Every structure is written in structure tokens, then in C-alpha cells.
Protein backbone atom coordinates (compact mmCIF):
# COMPACT_ATOMS: atom_id res chain seq x y z
CA UNK A 1 0.00 0.00 0.00
CA UNK A 2 2.98 2.29 0.51
CA UNK A 3 3.69 2.19 -3.19
CA UNK A 4 0.16 3.31 -3.92
CA UNK A 5 0.57 6.42 -1.75
CA UNK A 6 3.69 7.43 -3.72
CA UNK A 7 1.59 8.34 -6.81
CA UNK A 8 2.04 11.91 -8.01
CA UNK A 9 -0.98 14.24 -8.12
CA UNK A 10 -1.11 16.52 -11.13
CA UNK A 11 -1.02 20.17 -9.99
CA UNK A 12 -4.25 21.90 -10.61
CA UNK A 13 -6.21 18.67 -11.19
CA UNK A 14 -8.78 17.29 -8.86
CA UNK A 15 -7.84 14.51 -6.49
CA UNK A 16 -9.76 12.15 -8.71
CA UNK A 17 -7.08 12.39 -11.38
CA UNK A 18 -3.48 11.26 -11.22
CA UNK A 19 -0.70 11.68 -13.61
CA UNK A 20 0.95 8.54 -14.78
CA UNK A 21 4.70 8.76 -14.37
CA UNK A 22 6.02 6.73 -17.22
CA UNK A 23 9.67 5.91 -16.64
CA UNK A 24 11.49 4.24 -19.43
CA UNK A 25 10.79 0.74 -18.25
CA UNK A 26 8.93 -2.12 -19.74
CA UNK A 27 5.24 -2.63 -19.33
CA UNK A 28 5.86 -5.64 -17.14
CA UNK A 29 8.18 -3.71 -14.82
CA UNK A 30 5.64 -0.98 -14.45
CA UNK A 31 2.98 -3.47 -13.57
CA UNK A 32 5.16 -4.91 -10.84
CA UNK A 33 6.04 -1.50 -9.48
CA UNK A 34 2.39 -0.48 -9.14
CA UNK A 35 0.67 -3.75 -8.63
CA UNK A 36 -1.98 -2.61 -6.20
CA UNK A 37 -5.16 -4.59 -6.56
CA UNK A 38 -7.22 -1.78 -5.11
CA UNK A 39 -6.51 0.52 -8.01
CA UNK A 40 -9.00 0.46 -10.87
CA UNK A 41 -7.27 2.63 -13.48
CA UNK A 42 -4.54 5.17 -13.97
CA UNK A 43 -5.48 8.07 -16.22
CA UNK A 44 -2.65 9.51 -18.23
CA UNK A 45 -2.76 13.31 -18.22
CA UNK A 46 -0.53 15.23 -20.59
CA UNK A 47 1.06 18.57 -19.80
CA UNK A 48 -1.31 21.51 -20.08
CA UNK A 49 -5.09 21.56 -19.97
CA UNK A 50 -6.88 18.38 -21.02
CA UNK A 51 -10.60 18.05 -21.45
CA UNK A 52 -12.34 15.25 -19.62
CA UNK A 53 -13.93 12.38 -21.47
CA UNK A 54 -17.28 13.99 -20.72
CA UNK A 55 -16.22 17.28 -22.33
CA UNK A 56 -14.93 15.50 -25.43
CA UNK A 57 -18.12 13.48 -25.69
CA UNK A 58 -20.25 16.59 -25.45
CA UNK A 59 -18.41 17.96 -28.50
CA UNK A 60 -19.51 14.97 -30.55
CA UNK A 61 -16.29 12.92 -30.43
CA UNK A 62 -15.54 9.57 -28.87
CA UNK A 63 -13.09 9.79 -26.00
CA UNK A 64 -10.97 7.12 -27.61
CA UNK A 65 -10.49 9.38 -30.63
CA UNK A 66 -8.73 11.95 -28.46
CA UNK A 67 -5.98 9.46 -27.84
CA UNK A 68 -5.41 8.56 -31.45
CA UNK A 69 -2.07 8.48 -33.22
CA UNK A 70 -0.57 11.04 -30.90
CA UNK A 71 0.03 8.30 -28.33
CA UNK A 72 2.41 6.51 -30.68
CA UNK A 73 3.20 2.83 -30.63
CA UNK A 74 2.23 2.42 -27.00
CA UNK A 75 -1.41 3.17 -27.74
CA UNK A 76 -2.21 -0.52 -27.45
CA UNK A 77 -1.05 -0.49 -23.82
CA UNK A 78 -3.90 1.91 -23.06
CA UNK A 79 -6.70 -0.40 -24.15
CA UNK A 80 -9.89 -0.31 -22.11
CA UNK A 81 -9.04 -3.10 -19.63
CA UNK A 82 -10.37 -2.90 -16.13
CA UNK A 83 -9.15 -4.78 -13.05
CA UNK A 84 -11.68 -6.08 -10.65
CA UNK A 85 -11.70 -4.00 -7.50
CA UNK A 86 -9.57 -5.73 -4.85
CA UNK A 87 -8.12 -8.25 -7.27
CA UNK A 88 -4.68 -8.63 -8.70
CA UNK A 89 -3.73 -6.91 -11.91
CA UNK A 90 -2.71 -9.19 -14.68
CA UNK A 91 0.56 -8.50 -16.40
CA UNK A 92 -1.18 -7.74 -19.68
CA UNK A 93 -3.26 -4.99 -18.16
CA UNK A 94 -2.18 -1.34 -18.64
CA UNK A 95 -1.27 1.01 -15.85
CA UNK A 96 -4.62 2.78 -15.35
CA UNK A 97 -5.67 3.70 -11.86
CA UNK A 98 -8.07 5.98 -10.06
CA UNK A 99 -8.69 7.00 -6.49
CA UNK A 100 -11.90 5.05 -6.48
CA UNK A 101 -11.77 2.58 -3.62
CA UNK A 102 -12.58 -1.06 -4.09
CA UNK A 103 -16.25 -1.89 -4.05
CA UNK A 104 -17.42 1.54 -5.20
CA UNK A 105 -19.44 1.54 -8.41
CA UNK A 106 -18.16 3.90 -11.12
CA UNK A 107 -20.40 6.91 -11.82
CA UNK A 108 -22.66 6.50 -14.78
CA UNK A 109 -22.11 8.92 -17.61
CA UNK A 110 -25.24 10.65 -18.90
CA UNK A 111 -26.40 8.99 -22.03
CA UNK A 112 -27.01 11.16 -25.12
CA UNK A 113 -30.42 10.93 -26.75
CA UNK A 114 -30.83 10.46 -30.52
CA UNK A 115 -31.54 14.17 -31.04
CA UNK A 116 -28.44 15.23 -29.12
CA UNK A 117 -26.29 12.75 -31.00
CA UNK A 118 -27.70 13.98 -34.32
CA UNK A 119 -27.15 17.61 -33.33
CA UNK A 120 -23.64 16.92 -32.08
CA UNK A 121 -22.75 15.06 -35.26
CA UNK A 122 -24.03 17.57 -37.80
CA UNK A 123 -23.90 20.88 -35.90
CA UNK A 124 -25.35 23.92 -37.77
CA UNK A 125 -26.45 21.74 -40.67
CA UNK A 126 -29.33 20.50 -38.50
CA UNK A 127 -30.92 23.97 -38.59
CA UNK A 128 -30.27 24.45 -42.30
CA UNK A 129 -32.24 21.36 -43.38
CA UNK A 130 -35.79 22.61 -42.45
CA UNK A 131 -35.05 25.99 -44.05
CA UNK A 132 -34.05 24.33 -47.30
CA UNK A 133 -37.21 22.17 -47.18
CA UNK A 134 -39.44 25.25 -46.86
CA UNK A 135 -37.67 27.07 -49.72
CA UNK A 136 -37.94 23.99 -51.94
CA UNK A 137 -41.67 23.66 -51.21
CA UNK A 138 -42.27 27.31 -52.16
CA UNK A 139 -40.38 26.93 -55.44
CA UNK A 140 -42.31 23.77 -56.35
CA UNK A 141 -45.64 25.47 -55.57
CA UNK A 142 -44.77 28.54 -57.65
CA UNK A 143 -43.71 26.51 -60.69
CA UNK A 144 -46.64 24.08 -60.64
CA UNK A 145 -49.56 26.44 -60.05
CA UNK A 146 -51.91 27.44 -62.87
CA UNK A 147 -50.22 30.32 -64.77
CA UNK A 148 -53.58 31.91 -65.55
CA UNK A 149 -54.71 32.34 -61.94
CA UNK A 150 -52.88 35.60 -61.43
CA UNK A 151 -53.49 37.44 -64.65
CA UNK A 152 -57.00 36.31 -65.32
CA UNK A 153 -58.67 35.77 -61.90
CA UNK A 154 -60.71 39.02 -62.24
CA UNK A 155 -61.65 38.81 -66.06
CA UNK A 156 -61.73 35.10 -66.84
CA UNK A 157 -59.50 33.20 -69.27
CA UNK A 158 -57.88 35.18 -72.06
CA UNK A 159 -58.74 33.54 -75.32
CA UNK A 160 -56.41 33.36 -78.26
CA UNK A 161 -59.08 32.10 -80.62
CA UNK A 162 -59.75 28.36 -80.78
CA UNK A 163 -56.03 27.68 -80.36
CA UNK A 164 -55.92 28.43 -76.60
CA UNK A 165 -54.44 31.21 -74.52
CA UNK A 166 -51.89 33.62 -76.00
CA UNK A 167 -48.24 33.06 -75.17
CA UNK A 168 -47.45 36.74 -74.50
CA UNK A 169 -49.20 39.81 -73.19
CA UNK A 170 -51.46 41.65 -75.68
CA UNK A 171 -50.16 44.88 -77.16
CA UNK A 172 -53.64 46.44 -76.95
CA UNK A 173 -56.72 45.62 -74.89
CA UNK A 174 -60.33 46.62 -75.33
CA UNK A 175 -61.91 49.35 -73.24
CA UNK A 176 -65.55 48.42 -72.55
CA UNK A 177 -68.22 51.09 -72.31
CA UNK A 178 -68.94 52.30 -68.82
CA UNK A 179 -72.40 51.57 -67.47
CA UNK A 180 -74.30 54.86 -67.46
CA UNK A 181 -76.45 55.72 -64.47
CA UNK A 182 -79.71 56.53 -66.16
CA UNK A 183 -81.24 58.47 -63.26
CA UNK A 184 -78.66 61.27 -63.31
CA UNK A 185 -78.07 64.11 -65.80
CA UNK A 186 -77.30 62.53 -69.19
CA UNK A 187 -78.02 65.40 -71.59
CA UNK A 188 -74.43 66.46 -72.15
CA UNK A 189 -72.80 65.48 -75.44
CA UNK A 190 -70.44 62.50 -74.97
CA UNK A 191 -66.80 62.57 -75.96
CA UNK A 192 -66.12 61.29 -79.47
CA UNK A 193 -65.12 62.08 -83.01
CA UNK A 194 -64.64 65.47 -84.64
CA UNK A 195 -67.37 67.17 -86.64
CA UNK A 196 -68.00 70.48 -88.42
CA UNK A 197 -69.85 72.94 -86.21
CA UNK A 198 -70.91 75.19 -89.07
CA UNK A 199 -72.32 74.55 -92.55
CA UNK A 200 -73.64 76.76 -95.34
CA UNK A 201 -77.29 76.63 -94.32
CA UNK A 202 -78.34 74.95 -97.59
CA UNK A 203 -78.83 71.25 -98.36
CA UNK A 204 -78.45 68.91 -101.31
CA UNK A 205 -80.54 65.79 -101.92
CA UNK A 206 -78.69 62.46 -101.92
CA UNK A 207 -79.70 60.68 -105.16
CA UNK A 208 -81.24 57.22 -105.18
CA UNK A 209 -79.33 54.17 -106.33
CA UNK A 210 -80.67 50.97 -107.87
CA UNK A 211 -81.39 49.50 -104.43
CA UNK A 212 -83.23 52.53 -103.06
CA UNK A 213 -86.77 53.88 -103.23
CA UNK A 214 -88.79 50.81 -102.23
CA UNK A 215 -92.07 51.44 -100.41
CA UNK A 216 -92.09 50.31 -96.77
CA UNK A 217 -95.51 49.25 -95.51
CA UNK A 218 -98.64 48.20 -97.39
CA UNK A 219 -101.35 50.01 -95.50
CA UNK A 220 -102.18 53.48 -94.29
CA UNK A 221 -101.30 56.76 -95.86
CA UNK A 222 -98.09 56.89 -97.94
CA UNK A 223 -95.56 59.51 -96.83
CA UNK A 224 -92.64 60.36 -99.10
CA UNK A 225 -89.33 61.79 -97.96
CA UNK A 226 -85.90 62.82 -99.24
CA UNK A 227 -82.51 62.39 -97.59
CA UNK A 228 -80.40 65.55 -97.60
CA UNK A 229 -77.00 66.75 -96.30
CA UNK A 230 -76.08 70.33 -95.47
CA UNK A 231 -73.57 71.84 -97.83
CA UNK A 232 -70.07 72.50 -96.51
CA UNK A 233 -69.81 69.48 -94.16
CA UNK A 234 -66.75 67.26 -94.19
CA UNK A 235 -68.05 63.84 -95.35
CA UNK A 236 -65.23 62.13 -93.43
CA UNK A 237 -66.89 62.92 -90.11
CA UNK A 238 -70.08 61.00 -90.94
CA UNK A 239 -68.81 58.42 -93.50
CA UNK A 240 -70.27 60.31 -96.47
CA UNK A 241 -73.64 61.08 -98.04
CA UNK A 242 -74.40 57.57 -99.23
CA UNK A 243 -73.75 56.06 -95.81
CA UNK A 244 -76.07 58.54 -94.11
CA UNK A 245 -78.80 58.02 -96.72
CA UNK A 246 -78.57 54.21 -96.47
CA UNK A 247 -78.91 54.32 -92.67
CA UNK A 248 -81.97 56.56 -92.84
CA UNK A 249 -83.75 54.42 -95.44
CA UNK A 250 -82.89 51.12 -93.74
CA UNK A 251 -84.24 52.43 -90.44
CA UNK A 252 -87.54 53.74 -91.83
CA UNK A 253 -88.08 50.55 -93.85
CA UNK A 254 -87.66 48.27 -90.82
CA UNK A 255 -90.77 46.48 -89.58
CA UNK A 256 -90.06 47.91 -86.10
CA UNK A 257 -90.30 51.45 -87.48
CA UNK A 258 -93.45 53.45 -88.22
CA UNK A 259 -94.69 51.28 -91.11
CA UNK A 260 -94.85 48.44 -88.56
CA UNK A 261 -97.81 50.15 -86.90
CA UNK A 262 -99.93 49.46 -89.98
CA UNK A 263 -101.06 53.09 -89.95
CA UNK A 264 -98.62 54.55 -92.47
CA UNK A 265 -96.28 53.61 -95.32
CA UNK A 266 -93.00 55.36 -96.10
CA UNK A 267 -91.05 55.74 -99.32
CA UNK A 268 -87.80 57.50 -100.08
CA UNK A 269 -87.70 59.79 -103.18
CA UNK A 270 -85.11 62.08 -104.80
CA UNK A 271 -85.15 65.65 -106.08
CA UNK A 272 -87.26 64.67 -109.08
CA UNK A 273 -90.27 64.33 -106.79
CA UNK A 274 -92.29 67.54 -106.87
CA UNK A 275 -93.28 67.78 -103.19
CA UNK A 276 -92.00 65.26 -100.64
CA UNK A 277 -93.86 65.17 -97.29
CA UNK A 278 -90.70 65.77 -95.25
CA UNK A 279 -86.95 66.03 -95.67
CA UNK A 280 -84.54 64.11 -93.41
CA UNK A 281 -81.57 66.50 -93.26
CA UNK A 282 -78.11 66.07 -91.68
CA UNK A 283 -77.32 69.54 -90.30
CA UNK A 284 -74.43 71.28 -88.52
CA UNK A 285 -74.89 72.25 -84.84
CA UNK A 286 -74.91 76.00 -85.56
CA UNK A 287 -77.58 75.70 -88.26
CA UNK A 288 -79.57 73.38 -85.99
CA UNK A 289 -79.69 76.03 -83.28
CA UNK A 290 -80.91 78.60 -85.78
CA UNK A 291 -83.75 76.31 -86.84
CA UNK A 292 -84.64 74.59 -83.56
CA UNK A 293 -83.68 77.23 -80.99
CA UNK A 294 -81.41 76.82 -77.99
CA UNK A 295 -83.79 77.06 -75.06
CA UNK A 296 -82.40 73.81 -73.66
CA UNK A 297 -78.61 74.33 -73.51
CA UNK A 298 -77.71 70.92 -74.94
CA UNK A 299 -77.18 69.67 -78.46
CA UNK A 300 -80.43 68.28 -79.90
CA UNK A 301 -82.34 67.59 -83.10
CA UNK A 302 -85.84 68.70 -84.05
CA UNK A 303 -88.61 68.83 -86.63
CA UNK A 304 -89.55 72.08 -88.39
CA UNK A 305 -93.09 72.08 -89.76
CA UNK A 306 -94.74 73.97 -92.57
CA UNK A 307 -93.54 75.38 -94.82
CA UNK A 308 -90.20 73.60 -94.36
CA UNK A 309 -91.23 70.11 -93.23
CA UNK A 310 -87.65 69.41 -92.35
CA UNK A 311 -86.43 66.68 -89.99
CA UNK A 312 -83.22 68.23 -88.61
CA UNK A 313 -80.61 65.66 -87.52
CA UNK A 314 -77.85 67.38 -85.52
CA UNK A 315 -74.42 66.35 -86.87
CA UNK A 316 -72.86 66.44 -83.38
CA UNK A 317 -75.36 63.84 -82.10
CA UNK A 318 -75.02 61.74 -85.26
CA UNK A 319 -71.27 61.52 -84.64
CA UNK A 320 -71.26 61.16 -80.84
CA UNK A 321 -74.68 59.87 -79.79
CA UNK A 322 -76.14 60.27 -76.29
CA UNK A 323 -74.99 59.15 -72.85
CA UNK A 324 -78.14 57.16 -72.13
CA UNK A 325 -77.19 54.79 -74.98
CA UNK A 326 -73.79 53.91 -73.44
CA UNK A 327 -71.83 54.28 -76.67
CA UNK A 328 -74.23 52.26 -78.87
CA UNK A 329 -74.06 54.56 -81.88
CA UNK A 330 -76.16 52.41 -84.24
CA UNK A 331 -79.02 52.23 -81.73
CA UNK A 332 -78.91 55.96 -81.10
CA UNK A 333 -78.92 56.80 -84.83
CA UNK A 334 -81.96 54.58 -85.33
CA UNK A 335 -83.62 56.27 -82.36
CA UNK A 336 -83.05 59.84 -83.50
CA UNK A 337 -84.40 59.08 -86.99
CA UNK A 338 -87.56 57.41 -85.68
CA UNK A 339 -88.09 60.06 -83.00
CA UNK A 340 -87.87 63.09 -85.31
CA UNK A 341 -89.88 61.38 -88.09
CA UNK A 342 -92.45 60.65 -85.38
CA UNK A 343 -92.88 64.40 -84.99
CA UNK A 344 -93.43 64.65 -88.77
CA UNK A 345 -96.23 62.12 -88.25
CA UNK A 346 -97.80 64.40 -85.60
CA UNK A 347 -96.54 62.56 -82.48
CA UNK A 348 -95.61 64.61 -79.40
CA UNK A 349 -93.28 63.96 -76.47
CA UNK A 350 -94.15 61.39 -73.80
CA UNK A 351 -92.42 60.11 -70.69
CA UNK A 352 -91.45 56.71 -69.33
CA UNK A 353 -94.69 54.78 -68.79
CA UNK A 354 -93.38 51.82 -66.76
CA UNK A 355 -90.34 51.78 -64.52
CA UNK A 356 -87.62 49.58 -66.00
CA UNK A 357 -89.41 49.02 -69.32
CA UNK A 358 -88.23 50.13 -72.76
CA UNK A 359 -88.61 53.85 -73.20
CA UNK A 360 -91.19 55.08 -75.73
CA UNK A 361 -89.49 56.22 -78.94
CA UNK A 362 -91.16 59.62 -78.47
CA UNK A 363 -89.47 60.13 -75.11
CA UNK A 364 -86.61 62.67 -75.29
CA UNK A 365 -83.95 59.98 -74.88
CA UNK A 366 -81.25 62.28 -76.25
CA UNK A 367 -81.47 63.98 -72.84
CA UNK A 368 -82.10 60.84 -70.82
CA UNK A 369 -84.57 58.10 -69.89
CA UNK A 370 -85.40 59.27 -66.35
CA UNK A 371 -88.71 61.14 -66.10
CA UNK A 372 -87.57 63.43 -63.29
CA UNK A 373 -84.55 64.67 -65.22
CA UNK A 374 -86.32 65.12 -68.57
CA UNK A 375 -89.23 66.89 -66.84
CA UNK A 376 -86.77 69.31 -65.25
CA UNK A 377 -85.34 70.22 -68.67
CA UNK A 378 -88.82 70.68 -70.15
CA UNK A 379 -89.78 73.07 -67.37
CA UNK A 380 -87.34 75.66 -68.70
CA UNK A 381 -88.94 78.65 -70.44
CA UNK A 382 -89.75 77.64 -74.01
CA UNK A 383 -89.51 73.92 -73.17
CA UNK A 384 -92.20 71.28 -73.61
CA UNK A 385 -93.60 71.96 -70.16
CA UNK A 386 -95.79 69.21 -68.70
CA UNK A 387 -95.02 66.66 -71.44
CA UNK A 388 -93.17 64.35 -69.04
CA UNK A 389 -94.29 63.81 -65.42
CA UNK A 390 -91.71 63.94 -62.63
CA UNK A 391 -92.81 60.63 -61.14
CA UNK A 392 -89.45 58.95 -60.56
CA UNK A 393 -89.78 56.34 -63.31
CA UNK A 394 -86.71 55.31 -65.27
CA UNK A 395 -86.80 53.36 -68.54
CA UNK A 396 -84.27 51.59 -70.76
CA UNK A 397 -83.09 53.09 -74.08
CA UNK A 398 -85.16 52.09 -77.11
CA UNK A 399 -84.98 53.04 -80.81
CA UNK A 400 -88.24 51.66 -82.19
CA UNK A 401 -91.93 52.58 -82.14
CA UNK A 402 -92.78 48.88 -82.58
CA UNK A 403 -90.07 46.98 -80.64
CA UNK A 404 -91.93 43.67 -81.16
CA UNK A 405 -93.74 43.81 -84.52
CA UNK A 406 -96.46 41.30 -85.29
CA UNK A 407 -95.13 38.02 -86.58
CA UNK A 408 -91.68 38.44 -84.91
């Protein structure tokens, strides 16, 4: 036991650690010199600070790795052999000893869980893996989603004809007409094309062609009419004389027009006719005001009776229409022809008869289709006072005196 007390404590270490003094003797001689059966192991501590096996394990390394090649050829002498407490050390056993007395169980080292082992083995890479998984999922979602859901969720699928969707953005897109609120002021002239404001105050008759001059209607009194254009107007603003004349004749020959009532027949004639019943005349705004007056401060058309019998179609309205028609120029042109010819057939102004129904063709739809608003305009001095009641009714635009002719 005296030999056991001669072991050297390492300065600065705890009493539980000893420093193995390795004289240059054989392994067998060392075992004889320190052959105490009460010693369990001798831990070899090198000069300087050395981490415990626990510290090395917490860094993710096996304690045996810390004693790798640096221990040289004698590394085999340090194999993990343990002597039974109180027993004799065999000559093949290394010199490893501790201060642990015989019969005392060695302290159990805390075992590392799977998560701790994984974290210790891979370090910062453990935290990088879930981030990469999230980024990958986002990229896959973005590349596999329907490409049309972003650009066309509000307006539906963009067609490229029967061949499917276009492969690139369009260079121009349509601009749909805005829905007009029909119960607010709508008498102002809409924005639109250019037109001549002034003409010469005289008109020329548009001649018939081989497809013109047919009688429309088989019953009632026959009314004849000419189609005329004021001199001095630029034909480019209204597509020319022939276009205007064709629109007038096609409208008055339609079964929804006045011949559809069965009360009258209409027939277009030229300047060879001695005395037509009325003259449908495209007229500049300035000349229109001279003939029709300007009591209501908005562009309008009118009918001038005897001795002129002239249906005055205001060029500004022919080119731009009316707000109540929401940009439907063809419907407005049909309306203004039927409305003014209705005056030539002795029809006066009326208001909207049924809320939400089609407006009567003799309603002043150039100004609007709301009774309250049209009545307000008519109440001006010189207006058609009392023709339209202010009863809150609002109709829909309509161009025809017979919207549903018999047999249709």
C-alpha cells in the first residue's frame, strides 16, 4: 500500500485524477512496481489543460479518438481493460488507476439521446435542413400552379381564338363602355369624333341608287321623304352622303319602325319628286340652333313644320350619340331618326310609362330616360312643359316605335 501512496498528483487537477509517471521501463516492470489490486485505473494526463472524457463526448467525439495516433506505438497499452476491485492486476493490463476505492461503483455517464447525437454530429447543418425544405416547397408550388390564376382571376381566361391562350401579353386591350347611371343628368354630349360645327345653311338631296326607293308598308297613308345633307360638311366625319342616306332608309323601312304600326307607309324619293312630305336633313350644330332654338342648352335635333317640313338631324349627335345609350351609336342613330320622323307624323313627347321598361321612342332619350330629369329640362322657359311627369320612373333606351312587330 505504501507504493500506492507514492503516486504523483497533477497540480491543478482534482484529487480524482493522477498523472501517470512513465519511466522508461517495460510494461511488465511498471505493472510490478504499481501492482496494487485496489486501483482500478490510472489516467494519463498530458502537460497543459486536457478536457475530460465527458467534455470531449459533449463535442460529438468519442473519448478514444482523443488518444489517437498522438500516443504513438504504446497506444495498445492503453486499451480499455479494467481490473476487478480488490483483485490482482494481470501483467497484460495497462497502468490505469483511479482513487476510487474497491467496491465503489463507477459513476454512470449521462447517455445522449438520438436528437443530441444527431445535433452533435451535424452541428449547424441540422438547422439548415428545415429551411431548405421550406424554400424547396415554395419553389415547387410557384412553378406548378396554374399560370392563368394571377393574370386572369378578375376577367376570366384570355382567349387566343380556338387555339388556346396567347403566349405573351397583348399589345392592346379593349376598353368596354362604362355603365351609365340613367337616373342622373345625361343630356351632355359624350366625348367622341370630330365634326363640323358650321355649314352653309343649304342642303343637297342624296340621289337614289338601284337598291333605293322601295315602299315600306302596305297600308295606311303613304308619306314620301328625301334624304339631304347640309352643304359644306366634311363627309369624313359621318362616312359620307351615301352612308347617311342608307342608314336613314334602312331604319324607316324596318318592320319595327313606323310602317310596322300598320297606320302609315314610307317611301324615299329624290329631287325629281315635286313635293315630298318631309326632308330628313343632316345639319351642322350652328344651323340646328338657328332652326330649332337653344332654349335647352344641350345639343339636340328637331322637326320644323310647314312650310319647311324638315327633320333636322344634328351632326354632333349623329357623330357622338347620347350618354343614355352607353356608346351604342347604331341604336342611337336609329332612335333619333324614328323620334324626329315621329314628330313629322304628328306625335308629341311622352315620358317613361313603366319603370324599367323600354322607353317610348317619343321620349326625349337624347337627354335621358329618367322622367324626373327630362321633366326638369322641359320646365325651362320655351320647353315642352308638362309633357313628361316627374314621377321617378326610369326606362331603358329604345330606338323603335314597334319593338316587337307582329309576326316576330
